[in-house]
mmCIF file of all heavy atoms, coordinates in Angstrom:
data_MODEL
# 
_entry.id   MODEL 
# 
loop_
_atom_site.group_PDB 
_atom_site.id 
_atom_site.type_symbol 
_atom_site.label_atom_id 
_atom_site.label_alt_id 
_atom_site.label_comp_id 
_atom_site.label_asym_id 
_atom_site.label_entity_id 
_atom_site.label_seq_id 
_atom_site.pdbx_PDB_ins_code 
_atom_site.Cartn_x 
_atom_site.Cartn_y 
_atom_site.Cartn_z 
_atom_site.occupancy 
_atom_site.B_iso_or_equiv 
_atom_site.pdbx_formal_charge 
_atom_site.auth_seq_id 
_atom_site.auth_comp_id 
_atom_site.auth_asym_id 
_atom_site.auth_atom_id 
_atom_site.pdbx_PDB_model_num 
ATOM 1   N N   . ALA A 1 1  ? 65.856 -54.916 13.916 1.00 0.00 ? 1  ALA A N   1 
ATOM 2   C CA  . ALA A 1 1  ? 65.486 -56.244 13.430 1.00 0.00 ? 1  ALA A CA  1 
ATOM 3   C C   . ALA A 1 1  ? 65.925 -57.353 14.383 1.00 0.00 ? 1  ALA A C   1 
ATOM 4   O O   . ALA A 1 1  ? 65.404 -58.456 14.323 1.00 0.00 ? 1  ALA A O   1 
ATOM 5   C CB  . ALA A 1 1  ? 66.097 -56.482 12.053 1.00 0.00 ? 1  ALA A CB  1 
ATOM 6   N N   . CYS A 1 2  ? 66.885 -57.074 15.250 1.00 0.00 ? 2  CYS A N   1 
ATOM 7   C CA  . CYS A 1 2  ? 67.372 -58.078 16.198 1.00 0.00 ? 2  CYS A CA  1 
ATOM 8   C C   . CYS A 1 2  ? 66.275 -58.466 17.178 1.00 0.00 ? 2  CYS A C   1 
ATOM 9   O O   . CYS A 1 2  ? 65.449 -57.641 17.549 1.00 0.00 ? 2  CYS A O   1 
ATOM 10  C CB  . CYS A 1 2  ? 68.543 -57.529 17.009 1.00 0.00 ? 2  CYS A CB  1 
ATOM 11  S SG  . CYS A 1 2  ? 69.975 -57.058 16.049 1.00 0.00 ? 2  CYS A SG  1 
ATOM 12  N N   . TRP A 1 3  ? 66.298 -59.708 17.641 1.00 0.00 ? 3  TRP A N   1 
ATOM 13  C CA  . TRP A 1 3  ? 65.325 -60.122 18.648 1.00 0.00 ? 3  TRP A CA  1 
ATOM 14  C C   . TRP A 1 3  ? 65.745 -59.657 20.038 1.00 0.00 ? 3  TRP A C   1 
ATOM 15  O O   . TRP A 1 3  ? 65.017 -59.805 21.007 1.00 0.00 ? 3  TRP A O   1 
ATOM 16  C CB  . TRP A 1 3  ? 65.075 -61.627 18.619 1.00 0.00 ? 3  TRP A CB  1 
ATOM 17  C CG  . TRP A 1 3  ? 66.230 -62.491 18.987 1.00 0.00 ? 3  TRP A CG  1 
ATOM 18  C CD1 . TRP A 1 3  ? 67.148 -63.034 18.139 1.00 0.00 ? 3  TRP A CD1 1 
ATOM 19  C CD2 . TRP A 1 3  ? 66.602 -62.909 20.291 1.00 0.00 ? 3  TRP A CD2 1 
ATOM 20  N NE1 . TRP A 1 3  ? 68.068 -63.755 18.845 1.00 0.00 ? 3  TRP A NE1 1 
ATOM 21  C CE2 . TRP A 1 3  ? 67.755 -63.706 20.176 1.00 0.00 ? 3  TRP A CE2 1 
ATOM 22  C CE3 . TRP A 1 3  ? 66.077 -62.699 21.566 1.00 0.00 ? 3  TRP A CE3 1 
ATOM 23  C CZ2 . TRP A 1 3  ? 68.399 -64.269 21.266 1.00 0.00 ? 3  TRP A CZ2 1 
ATOM 24  C CZ3 . TRP A 1 3  ? 66.725 -63.270 22.656 1.00 0.00 ? 3  TRP A CZ3 1 
ATOM 25  C CH2 . TRP A 1 3  ? 67.864 -64.047 22.496 1.00 0.00 ? 3  TRP A CH2 1 
ATOM 26  N N   . TYR A 1 4  ? 66.930 -59.035 20.116 1.00 0.00 ? 4  TYR A N   1 
ATOM 27  C CA  . TYR A 1 4  ? 67.406 -58.421 21.355 1.00 0.00 ? 4  TYR A CA  1 
ATOM 28  C C   . TYR A 1 4  ? 67.761 -56.973 21.040 1.00 0.00 ? 4  TYR A C   1 
ATOM 29  O O   . TYR A 1 4  ? 67.941 -56.593 19.880 1.00 0.00 ? 4  TYR A O   1 
ATOM 30  C CB  . TYR A 1 4  ? 68.643 -59.164 21.892 1.00 0.00 ? 4  TYR A CB  1 
ATOM 31  C CG  . TYR A 1 4  ? 69.757 -59.247 20.857 1.00 0.00 ? 4  TYR A CG  1 
ATOM 32  C CD1 . TYR A 1 4  ? 70.668 -58.211 20.694 1.00 0.00 ? 4  TYR A CD1 1 
ATOM 33  C CD2 . TYR A 1 4  ? 69.874 -60.359 20.030 1.00 0.00 ? 4  TYR A CD2 1 
ATOM 34  C CE1 . TYR A 1 4  ? 71.668 -58.278 19.732 1.00 0.00 ? 4  TYR A CE1 1 
ATOM 35  C CE2 . TYR A 1 4  ? 70.874 -60.432 19.073 1.00 0.00 ? 4  TYR A CE2 1 
ATOM 36  C CZ  . TYR A 1 4  ? 71.762 -59.378 18.932 1.00 0.00 ? 4  TYR A CZ  1 
ATOM 37  O OH  . TYR A 1 4  ? 72.742 -59.442 17.983 1.00 0.00 ? 4  TYR A OH  1 
ATOM 38  N N   . GLU A 1 5  ? 67.866 -56.162 22.069 1.00 0.00 ? 5  GLU A N   1 
ATOM 39  C CA  . GLU A 1 5  ? 68.260 -54.769 21.883 1.00 0.00 ? 5  GLU A CA  1 
ATOM 40  C C   . GLU A 1 5  ? 69.783 -54.709 21.726 1.00 0.00 ? 5  GLU A C   1 
ATOM 41  O O   . GLU A 1 5  ? 70.514 -55.093 22.628 1.00 0.00 ? 5  GLU A O   1 
ATOM 42  C CB  . GLU A 1 5  ? 67.815 -53.931 23.078 1.00 0.00 ? 5  GLU A CB  1 
ATOM 43  C CG  . GLU A 1 5  ? 68.118 -52.470 22.921 1.00 0.00 ? 5  GLU A CG  1 
ATOM 44  C CD  . GLU A 1 5  ? 67.639 -51.638 24.100 1.00 0.00 ? 5  GLU A CD  1 
ATOM 45  O OE1 . GLU A 1 5  ? 66.983 -52.185 25.013 1.00 0.00 ? 5  GLU A OE1 1 
ATOM 46  O OE2 . GLU A 1 5  ? 67.954 -50.444 24.115 1.00 0.00 ? 5  GLU A OE2 1 
ATOM 47  N N   . PRO A 1 6  ? 70.269 -54.228 20.584 1.00 0.00 ? 6  PRO A N   1 
ATOM 48  C CA  . PRO A 1 6  ? 71.720 -54.177 20.386 1.00 0.00 ? 6  PRO A CA  1 
ATOM 49  C C   . PRO A 1 6  ? 72.306 -52.855 20.895 1.00 0.00 ? 6  PRO A C   1 
ATOM 50  O O   . PRO A 1 6  ? 71.586 -51.880 21.119 1.00 0.00 ? 6  PRO A O   1 
ATOM 51  C CB  . PRO A 1 6  ? 71.852 -54.245 18.855 1.00 0.00 ? 6  PRO A CB  1 
ATOM 52  C CG  . PRO A 1 6  ? 70.643 -53.517 18.371 1.00 0.00 ? 6  PRO A CG  1 
ATOM 53  C CD  . PRO A 1 6  ? 69.543 -53.869 19.363 1.00 0.00 ? 6  PRO A CD  1 
ATOM 54  N N   . TRP A 1 7  ? 73.603 -52.858 21.076 1.00 0.00 ? 7  TRP A N   1 
ATOM 55  C CA  . TRP A 1 7  ? 74.306 -51.592 21.267 1.00 0.00 ? 7  TRP A CA  1 
ATOM 56  C C   . TRP A 1 7  ? 74.111 -50.804 19.980 1.00 0.00 ? 7  TRP A C   1 
ATOM 57  O O   . TRP A 1 7  ? 74.127 -51.378 18.892 1.00 0.00 ? 7  TRP A O   1 
ATOM 58  C CB  . TRP A 1 7  ? 75.793 -51.821 21.519 1.00 0.00 ? 7  TRP A CB  1 
ATOM 59  C CG  . TRP A 1 7  ? 76.101 -52.598 22.757 1.00 0.00 ? 7  TRP A CG  1 
ATOM 60  C CD1 . TRP A 1 7  ? 76.545 -53.882 22.834 1.00 0.00 ? 7  TRP A CD1 1 
ATOM 61  C CD2 . TRP A 1 7  ? 76.006 -52.136 24.107 1.00 0.00 ? 7  TRP A CD2 1 
ATOM 62  N NE1 . TRP A 1 7  ? 76.711 -54.259 24.140 1.00 0.00 ? 7  TRP A NE1 1 
ATOM 63  C CE2 . TRP A 1 7  ? 76.401 -53.198 24.949 1.00 0.00 ? 7  TRP A CE2 1 
ATOM 64  C CE3 . TRP A 1 7  ? 75.625 -50.925 24.683 1.00 0.00 ? 7  TRP A CE3 1 
ATOM 65  C CZ2 . TRP A 1 7  ? 76.422 -53.085 26.332 1.00 0.00 ? 7  TRP A CZ2 1 
ATOM 66  C CZ3 . TRP A 1 7  ? 75.651 -50.816 26.065 1.00 0.00 ? 7  TRP A CZ3 1 
ATOM 67  C CH2 . TRP A 1 7  ? 76.041 -51.890 26.874 1.00 0.00 ? 7  TRP A CH2 1 
ATOM 68  N N   . GLU A 1 8  ? 73.936 -49.486 20.072 1.00 0.00 ? 8  GLU A N   1 
ATOM 69  C CA  . GLU A 1 8  ? 73.690 -48.688 18.871 1.00 0.00 ? 8  GLU A CA  1 
ATOM 70  C C   . GLU A 1 8  ? 74.676 -47.553 18.675 1.00 0.00 ? 8  GLU A C   1 
ATOM 71  O O   . GLU A 1 8  ? 74.948 -47.160 17.544 1.00 0.00 ? 8  GLU A O   1 
ATOM 72  C CB  . GLU A 1 8  ? 72.269 -48.133 18.896 1.00 0.00 ? 8  GLU A CB  1 
ATOM 73  C CG  . GLU A 1 8  ? 71.230 -49.239 18.785 1.00 0.00 ? 8  GLU A CG  1 
ATOM 74  C CD  . GLU A 1 8  ? 69.839 -48.714 18.534 1.00 0.00 ? 8  GLU A CD  1 
ATOM 75  O OE1 . GLU A 1 8  ? 69.705 -47.785 17.720 1.00 0.00 ? 8  GLU A OE1 1 
ATOM 76  O OE2 . GLU A 1 8  ? 68.899 -49.240 19.147 1.00 0.00 ? 8  GLU A OE2 1 
ATOM 77  N N   . GLU A 1 9  ? 75.196 -46.995 19.748 1.00 0.00 ? 9  GLU A N   1 
ATOM 78  C CA  . GLU A 1 9  ? 76.159 -45.894 19.624 1.00 0.00 ? 9  GLU A CA  1 
ATOM 79  C C   . GLU A 1 9  ? 77.507 -46.457 19.189 1.00 0.00 ? 9  GLU A C   1 
ATOM 80  O O   . GLU A 1 9  ? 77.932 -47.504 19.694 1.00 0.00 ? 9  GLU A O   1 
ATOM 81  C CB  . GLU A 1 9  ? 76.294 -45.150 20.951 1.00 0.00 ? 9  GLU A CB  1 
ATOM 82  C CG  . GLU A 1 9  ? 75.009 -44.496 21.426 1.00 0.00 ? 9  GLU A CG  1 
ATOM 83  C CD  . GLU A 1 9  ? 74.496 -43.459 20.449 1.00 0.00 ? 9  GLU A CD  1 
ATOM 84  O OE1 . GLU A 1 9  ? 75.318 -42.705 19.875 1.00 0.00 ? 9  GLU A OE1 1 
ATOM 85  O OE2 . GLU A 1 9  ? 73.270 -43.413 20.246 1.00 0.00 ? 9  GLU A OE2 1 
ATOM 86  N N   . GLN A 1 10 ? 78.188 -45.768 18.290 1.00 0.00 ? 10 GLN A N   1 
ATOM 87  C CA  . GLN A 1 10 ? 79.459 -46.272 17.760 1.00 0.00 ? 10 GLN A CA  1 
ATOM 88  C C   . GLN A 1 10 ? 80.476 -46.552 18.863 1.00 0.00 ? 10 GLN A C   1 
ATOM 89  O O   . GLN A 1 10 ? 81.134 -47.597 18.845 1.00 0.00 ? 10 GLN A O   1 
ATOM 90  C CB  . GLN A 1 10 ? 80.055 -45.296 16.729 1.00 0.00 ? 10 GLN A CB  1 
ATOM 91  C CG  . GLN A 1 10 ? 81.293 -45.847 16.045 1.00 0.00 ? 10 GLN A CG  1 
ATOM 92  C CD  . GLN A 1 10 ? 80.979 -47.039 15.155 1.00 0.00 ? 10 GLN A CD  1 
ATOM 93  O OE1 . GLN A 1 10 ? 80.198 -46.936 14.223 1.00 0.00 ? 10 GLN A OE1 1 
ATOM 94  N NE2 . GLN A 1 10 ? 81.582 -48.189 15.444 1.00 0.00 ? 10 GLN A NE2 1 
ATOM 95  N N   . ALA A 1 11 ? 80.566 -45.670 19.849 1.00 0.00 ? 11 ALA A N   1 
ATOM 96  C CA  . ALA A 1 11 ? 81.537 -45.890 20.934 1.00 0.00 ? 11 ALA A CA  1 
ATOM 97  C C   . ALA A 1 11 ? 81.217 -47.161 21.722 1.00 0.00 ? 11 ALA A C   1 
ATOM 98  O O   . ALA A 1 11 ? 82.132 -47.906 22.115 1.00 0.00 ? 11 ALA A O   1 
ATOM 99  C CB  . ALA A 1 11 ? 81.568 -44.680 21.867 1.00 0.00 ? 11 ALA A CB  1 
ATOM 100 N N   . ASP A 1 12 ? 79.939 -47.432 21.941 1.00 0.00 ? 12 ASP A N   1 
ATOM 101 C CA  . ASP A 1 12 ? 79.526 -48.636 22.660 1.00 0.00 ? 12 ASP A CA  1 
ATOM 102 C C   . ASP A 1 12 ? 79.810 -49.880 21.820 1.00 0.00 ? 12 ASP A C   1 
ATOM 103 O O   . ASP A 1 12 ? 80.287 -50.905 22.328 1.00 0.00 ? 12 ASP A O   1 
ATOM 104 C CB  . ASP A 1 12 ? 78.040 -48.578 23.002 1.00 0.00 ? 12 ASP A CB  1 
ATOM 105 C CG  . ASP A 1 12 ? 77.683 -47.397 23.894 1.00 0.00 ? 12 ASP A CG  1 
ATOM 106 O OD1 . ASP A 1 12 ? 78.597 -46.773 24.480 1.00 0.00 ? 12 ASP A OD1 1 
ATOM 107 O OD2 . ASP A 1 12 ? 76.479 -47.084 23.988 1.00 0.00 ? 12 ASP A OD2 1 
ATOM 108 N N   . ILE A 1 13 ? 79.515 -49.790 20.533 1.00 0.00 ? 13 ILE A N   1 
ATOM 109 C CA  . ILE A 1 13 ? 79.777 -50.903 19.614 1.00 0.00 ? 13 ILE A CA  1 
ATOM 110 C C   . ILE A 1 13 ? 81.275 -51.168 19.533 1.00 0.00 ? 13 ILE A C   1 
ATOM 111 O O   . ILE A 1 13 ? 81.709 -52.321 19.509 1.00 0.00 ? 13 ILE A O   1 
ATOM 112 C CB  . ILE A 1 13 ? 79.159 -50.624 18.233 1.00 0.00 ? 13 ILE A CB  1 
ATOM 113 C CG1 . ILE A 1 13 ? 77.633 -50.679 18.353 1.00 0.00 ? 13 ILE A CG1 1 
ATOM 114 C CG2 . ILE A 1 13 ? 79.671 -51.603 17.187 1.00 0.00 ? 13 ILE A CG2 1 
ATOM 115 C CD1 . ILE A 1 13 ? 76.880 -50.213 17.119 1.00 0.00 ? 13 ILE A CD1 1 
ATOM 116 N N   . ASP A 1 14 ? 82.074 -50.108 19.527 1.00 0.00 ? 14 ASP A N   1 
ATOM 117 C CA  . ASP A 1 14 ? 83.533 -50.274 19.513 1.00 0.00 ? 14 ASP A CA  1 
ATOM 118 C C   . ASP A 1 14 ? 83.982 -51.123 20.698 1.00 0.00 ? 14 ASP A C   1 
ATOM 119 O O   . ASP A 1 14 ? 84.824 -52.023 20.553 1.00 0.00 ? 14 ASP A O   1 
ATOM 120 C CB  . ASP A 1 14 ? 84.243 -48.926 19.563 1.00 0.00 ? 14 ASP A CB  1 
ATOM 121 C CG  . ASP A 1 14 ? 84.111 -48.113 18.293 1.00 0.00 ? 14 ASP A CG  1 
ATOM 122 O OD1 . ASP A 1 14 ? 83.585 -48.630 17.276 1.00 0.00 ? 14 ASP A OD1 1 
ATOM 123 O OD2 . ASP A 1 14 ? 84.540 -46.937 18.315 1.00 0.00 ? 14 ASP A OD2 1 
ATOM 124 N N   . LEU A 1 15 ? 83.422 -50.849 21.871 1.00 0.00 ? 15 LEU A N   1 
ATOM 125 C CA  . LEU A 1 15 ? 83.805 -51.608 23.065 1.00 0.00 ? 15 LEU A CA  1 
ATOM 126 C C   . LEU A 1 15 ? 83.306 -53.056 22.984 1.00 0.00 ? 15 LEU A C   1 
ATOM 127 O O   . LEU A 1 15 ? 84.052 -53.989 23.297 1.00 0.00 ? 15 LEU A O   1 
ATOM 128 C CB  . LEU A 1 15 ? 83.264 -50.929 24.323 1.00 0.00 ? 15 LEU A CB  1 
ATOM 129 C CG  . LEU A 1 15 ? 83.902 -49.579 24.663 1.00 0.00 ? 15 LEU A CG  1 
ATOM 130 C CD1 . LEU A 1 15 ? 83.163 -48.919 25.828 1.00 0.00 ? 15 LEU A CD1 1 
ATOM 131 C CD2 . LEU A 1 15 ? 85.382 -49.739 24.977 1.00 0.00 ? 15 LEU A CD2 1 
ATOM 132 N N   . ALA A 1 16 ? 82.056 -53.240 22.571 1.00 0.00 ? 16 ALA A N   1 
ATOM 133 C CA  . ALA A 1 16 ? 81.499 -54.602 22.479 1.00 0.00 ? 16 ALA A CA  1 
ATOM 134 C C   . ALA A 1 16 ? 82.268 -55.436 21.464 1.00 0.00 ? 16 ALA A C   1 
ATOM 135 O O   . ALA A 1 16 ? 82.607 -56.599 21.733 1.00 0.00 ? 16 ALA A O   1 
ATOM 136 C CB  . ALA A 1 16 ? 80.014 -54.535 22.114 1.00 0.00 ? 16 ALA A CB  1 
ATOM 137 N N   . VAL A 1 17 ? 82.553 -54.866 20.308 1.00 0.00 ? 17 VAL A N   1 
ATOM 138 C CA  . VAL A 1 17 ? 83.327 -55.572 19.281 1.00 0.00 ? 17 VAL A CA  1 
ATOM 139 C C   . VAL A 1 17 ? 84.743 -55.827 19.777 1.00 0.00 ? 17 VAL A C   1 
ATOM 140 O O   . VAL A 1 17 ? 85.287 -56.920 19.609 1.00 0.00 ? 17 VAL A O   1 
ATOM 141 C CB  . VAL A 1 17 ? 83.323 -54.776 17.955 1.00 0.00 ? 17 VAL A CB  1 
ATOM 142 C CG1 . VAL A 1 17 ? 84.371 -55.298 16.989 1.00 0.00 ? 17 VAL A CG1 1 
ATOM 143 C CG2 . VAL A 1 17 ? 81.935 -54.811 17.333 1.00 0.00 ? 17 VAL A CG2 1 
ATOM 144 N N   . GLY A 1 18 ? 85.329 -54.829 20.417 1.00 0.00 ? 18 GLY A N   1 
ATOM 145 C CA  . GLY A 1 18 ? 86.680 -54.990 20.957 1.00 0.00 ? 18 GLY A CA  1 
ATOM 146 C C   . GLY A 1 18 ? 86.764 -56.096 21.985 1.00 0.00 ? 18 GLY A C   1 
ATOM 147 O O   . GLY A 1 18 ? 87.748 -56.834 22.043 1.00 0.00 ? 18 GLY A O   1 
ATOM 148 N N   . TYR A 1 19 ? 85.703 -56.226 22.791 1.00 0.00 ? 19 TYR A N   1 
ATOM 149 C CA  . TYR A 1 19 ? 85.691 -57.296 23.784 1.00 0.00 ? 19 TYR A CA  1 
ATOM 150 C C   . TYR A 1 19 ? 85.747 -58.658 23.100 1.00 0.00 ? 19 TYR A C   1 
ATOM 151 O O   . TYR A 1 19 ? 86.515 -59.528 23.484 1.00 0.00 ? 19 TYR A O   1 
ATOM 152 C CB  . TYR A 1 19 ? 84.457 -57.197 24.685 1.00 0.00 ? 19 TYR A CB  1 
ATOM 153 C CG  . TYR A 1 19 ? 84.396 -58.317 25.688 1.00 0.00 ? 19 TYR A CG  1 
ATOM 154 C CD1 . TYR A 1 19 ? 85.185 -58.279 26.832 1.00 0.00 ? 19 TYR A CD1 1 
ATOM 155 C CD2 . TYR A 1 19 ? 83.602 -59.438 25.476 1.00 0.00 ? 19 TYR A CD2 1 
ATOM 156 C CE1 . TYR A 1 19 ? 85.171 -59.330 27.746 1.00 0.00 ? 19 TYR A CE1 1 
ATOM 157 C CE2 . TYR A 1 19 ? 83.581 -60.484 26.372 1.00 0.00 ? 19 TYR A CE2 1 
ATOM 158 C CZ  . TYR A 1 19 ? 84.362 -60.427 27.507 1.00 0.00 ? 19 TYR A CZ  1 
ATOM 159 O OH  . TYR A 1 19 ? 84.353 -61.474 28.398 1.00 0.00 ? 19 TYR A OH  1 
ATOM 160 N N   . VAL A 1 20 ? 84.923 -58.850 22.087 1.00 0.00 ? 20 VAL A N   1 
ATOM 161 C CA  . VAL A 1 20 ? 84.894 -60.138 21.385 1.00 0.00 ? 20 VAL A CA  1 
ATOM 162 C C   . VAL A 1 20 ? 86.205 -60.378 20.652 1.00 0.00 ? 20 VAL A C   1 
ATOM 163 O O   . VAL A 1 20 ? 86.818 -61.445 20.784 1.00 0.00 ? 20 VAL A O   1 
ATOM 164 C CB  . VAL A 1 20 ? 83.694 -60.227 20.417 1.00 0.00 ? 20 VAL A CB  1 
ATOM 165 C CG1 . VAL A 1 20 ? 83.739 -61.531 19.632 1.00 0.00 ? 20 VAL A CG1 1 
ATOM 166 C CG2 . VAL A 1 20 ? 82.376 -60.100 21.185 1.00 0.00 ? 20 VAL A CG2 1 
ATOM 167 N N   . LEU A 1 21 ? 86.636 -59.404 19.875 1.00 0.00 ? 21 LEU A N   1 
ATOM 168 C CA  . LEU A 1 21 ? 87.862 -59.585 19.088 1.00 0.00 ? 21 LEU A CA  1 
ATOM 169 C C   . LEU A 1 21 ? 89.109 -59.683 19.968 1.00 0.00 ? 21 LEU A C   1 
ATOM 170 O O   . LEU A 1 21 ? 90.139 -60.190 19.524 1.00 0.00 ? 21 LEU A O   1 
ATOM 171 C CB  . LEU A 1 21 ? 88.022 -58.452 18.072 1.00 0.00 ? 21 LEU A CB  1 
ATOM 172 C CG  . LEU A 1 21 ? 86.964 -58.403 16.974 1.00 0.00 ? 21 LEU A CG  1 
ATOM 173 C CD1 . LEU A 1 21 ? 87.237 -57.230 16.038 1.00 0.00 ? 21 LEU A CD1 1 
ATOM 174 C CD2 . LEU A 1 21 ? 86.895 -59.709 16.213 1.00 0.00 ? 21 LEU A CD2 1 
ATOM 175 N N   . GLY A 1 22 ? 89.002 -59.221 21.197 1.00 0.00 ? 22 GLY A N   1 
ATOM 176 C CA  . GLY A 1 22 ? 90.121 -59.289 22.122 1.00 0.00 ? 22 GLY A CA  1 
ATOM 177 C C   . GLY A 1 22 ? 90.413 -60.691 22.635 1.00 0.00 ? 22 GLY A C   1 
ATOM 178 O O   . GLY A 1 22 ? 91.449 -60.929 23.255 1.00 0.00 ? 22 GLY A O   1 
ATOM 179 N N   . ARG A 1 23 ? 89.516 -61.606 22.373 1.00 0.00 ? 23 ARG A N   1 
ATOM 180 C CA  . ARG A 1 23 ? 89.745 -62.996 22.798 1.00 0.00 ? 23 ARG A CA  1 
ATOM 181 C C   . ARG A 1 23 ? 90.313 -63.775 21.617 1.00 0.00 ? 23 ARG A C   1 
ATOM 182 O O   . ARG A 1 23 ? 89.635 -63.976 20.613 1.00 0.00 ? 23 ARG A O   1 
ATOM 183 C CB  . ARG A 1 23 ? 88.459 -63.655 23.271 1.00 0.00 ? 23 ARG A CB  1 
ATOM 184 C CG  . ARG A 1 23 ? 88.734 -65.086 23.758 1.00 0.00 ? 23 ARG A CG  1 
ATOM 185 C CD  . ARG A 1 23 ? 87.559 -65.679 24.451 1.00 0.00 ? 23 ARG A CD  1 
ATOM 186 N NE  . ARG A 1 23 ? 87.892 -67.009 24.930 1.00 0.00 ? 23 ARG A NE  1 
ATOM 187 C CZ  . ARG A 1 23 ? 87.564 -67.457 26.119 1.00 0.00 ? 23 ARG A CZ  1 
ATOM 188 N NH1 . ARG A 1 23 ? 86.898 -66.697 26.953 1.00 0.00 ? 23 ARG A NH1 1 
ATOM 189 N NH2 . ARG A 1 23 ? 87.883 -68.683 26.482 1.00 0.00 ? 23 ARG A NH2 1 
ATOM 190 N N   . PRO A 1 24 ? 91.527 -64.261 21.737 1.00 0.00 ? 24 PRO A N   1 
ATOM 191 C CA  . PRO A 1 24 ? 92.122 -65.019 20.635 1.00 0.00 ? 24 PRO A CA  1 
ATOM 192 C C   . PRO A 1 24 ? 91.364 -66.322 20.364 1.00 0.00 ? 24 PRO A C   1 
ATOM 193 O O   . PRO A 1 24 ? 90.792 -66.923 21.266 1.00 0.00 ? 24 PRO A O   1 
ATOM 194 C CB  . PRO A 1 24 ? 93.538 -65.336 21.138 1.00 0.00 ? 24 PRO A CB  1 
ATOM 195 C CG  . PRO A 1 24 ? 93.781 -64.410 22.279 1.00 0.00 ? 24 PRO A CG  1 
ATOM 196 C CD  . PRO A 1 24 ? 92.435 -64.081 22.860 1.00 0.00 ? 24 PRO A CD  1 
ATOM 197 N N   . GLY A 1 25 ? 91.343 -66.716 19.105 1.00 0.00 ? 25 GLY A N   1 
ATOM 198 C CA  . GLY A 1 25 ? 90.817 -68.023 18.740 1.00 0.00 ? 25 GLY A CA  1 
ATOM 199 C C   . GLY A 1 25 ? 89.330 -68.107 18.487 1.00 0.00 ? 25 GLY A C   1 
ATOM 200 O O   . GLY A 1 25 ? 88.801 -69.195 18.300 1.00 0.00 ? 25 GLY A O   1 
ATOM 201 N N   . ILE A 1 26 ? 88.628 -66.967 18.501 1.00 0.00 ? 26 ILE A N   1 
ATOM 202 C CA  . ILE A 1 26 ? 87.198 -67.000 18.209 1.00 0.00 ? 26 ILE A CA  1 
ATOM 203 C C   . ILE A 1 26 ? 86.889 -66.023 17.083 1.00 0.00 ? 26 ILE A C   1 
ATOM 204 O O   . ILE A 1 26 ? 87.656 -65.105 16.810 1.00 0.00 ? 26 ILE A O   1 
ATOM 205 C CB  . ILE A 1 26 ? 86.326 -66.702 19.449 1.00 0.00 ? 26 ILE A CB  1 
ATOM 206 C CG1 . ILE A 1 26 ? 86.515 -65.261 19.942 1.00 0.00 ? 26 ILE A CG1 1 
ATOM 207 C CG2 . ILE A 1 26 ? 86.617 -67.692 20.565 1.00 0.00 ? 26 ILE A CG2 1 
ATOM 208 C CD1 . ILE A 1 26 ? 85.549 -64.872 21.053 1.00 0.00 ? 26 ILE A CD1 1 
ATOM 209 N N   . PHE A 1 27 ? 85.755 -66.238 16.448 1.00 0.00 ? 27 PHE A N   1 
ATOM 210 C CA  . PHE A 1 27 ? 85.285 -65.365 15.382 1.00 0.00 ? 27 PHE A CA  1 
ATOM 211 C C   . PHE A 1 27 ? 84.090 -64.561 15.868 1.00 0.00 ? 27 PHE A C   1 
ATOM 212 O O   . PHE A 1 27 ? 83.250 -65.079 16.604 1.00 0.00 ? 27 PHE A O   1 
ATOM 213 C CB  . PHE A 1 27 ? 84.839 -66.181 14.158 1.00 0.00 ? 27 PHE A CB  1 
ATOM 214 C CG  . PHE A 1 27 ? 85.945 -66.910 13.478 1.00 0.00 ? 27 PHE A CG  1 
ATOM 215 C CD1 . PHE A 1 27 ? 86.239 -68.219 13.832 1.00 0.00 ? 27 PHE A CD1 1 
ATOM 216 C CD2 . PHE A 1 27 ? 86.700 -66.297 12.499 1.00 0.00 ? 27 PHE A CD2 1 
ATOM 217 C CE1 . PHE A 1 27 ? 87.256 -68.912 13.198 1.00 0.00 ? 27 PHE A CE1 1 
ATOM 218 C CE2 . PHE A 1 27 ? 87.725 -66.971 11.865 1.00 0.00 ? 27 PHE A CE2 1 
ATOM 219 C CZ  . PHE A 1 27 ? 88.005 -68.284 12.220 1.00 0.00 ? 27 PHE A CZ  1 
ATOM 220 N N   . LEU A 1 28 ? 83.985 -63.345 15.403 1.00 0.00 ? 28 LEU A N   1 
ATOM 221 C CA  . LEU A 1 28 ? 82.814 -62.502 15.649 1.00 0.00 ? 28 LEU A CA  1 
ATOM 222 C C   . LEU A 1 28 ? 81.938 -62.560 14.412 1.00 0.00 ? 28 LEU A C   1 
ATOM 223 O O   . LEU A 1 28 ? 82.342 -62.095 13.345 1.00 0.00 ? 28 LEU A O   1 
ATOM 224 C CB  . LEU A 1 28 ? 83.237 -61.050 15.914 1.00 0.00 ? 28 LEU A CB  1 
ATOM 225 C CG  . LEU A 1 28 ? 82.140 -59.992 15.888 1.00 0.00 ? 28 LEU A CG  1 
ATOM 226 C CD1 . LEU A 1 28 ? 81.142 -60.214 17.011 1.00 0.00 ? 28 LEU A CD1 1 
ATOM 227 C CD2 . LEU A 1 28 ? 82.735 -58.604 15.961 1.00 0.00 ? 28 LEU A CD2 1 
ATOM 228 N N   . ASN A 1 29 ? 80.772 -63.179 14.521 1.00 0.00 ? 29 ASN A N   1 
ATOM 229 C CA  . ASN A 1 29 ? 79.821 -63.160 13.413 1.00 0.00 ? 29 ASN A CA  1 
ATOM 230 C C   . ASN A 1 29 ? 79.099 -61.827 13.428 1.00 0.00 ? 29 ASN A C   1 
ATOM 231 O O   . ASN A 1 29 ? 78.887 -61.233 14.488 1.00 0.00 ? 29 ASN A O   1 
ATOM 232 C CB  . ASN A 1 29 ? 78.828 -64.312 13.515 1.00 0.00 ? 29 ASN A CB  1 
ATOM 233 C CG  . ASN A 1 29 ? 79.458 -65.633 13.125 1.00 0.00 ? 29 ASN A CG  1 
ATOM 234 O OD1 . ASN A 1 29 ? 80.662 -65.764 13.008 1.00 0.00 ? 29 ASN A OD1 1 
ATOM 235 N ND2 . ASN A 1 29 ? 78.627 -66.626 12.932 1.00 0.00 ? 29 ASN A ND2 1 
# 
């Protein structure tokens, strides 16, 4: 449903989410 191609494999998503959450002071929507 995304207008872009998302990461789909759990291991890849773990890294992408970890990258965002690894930055203090921001929220991951």
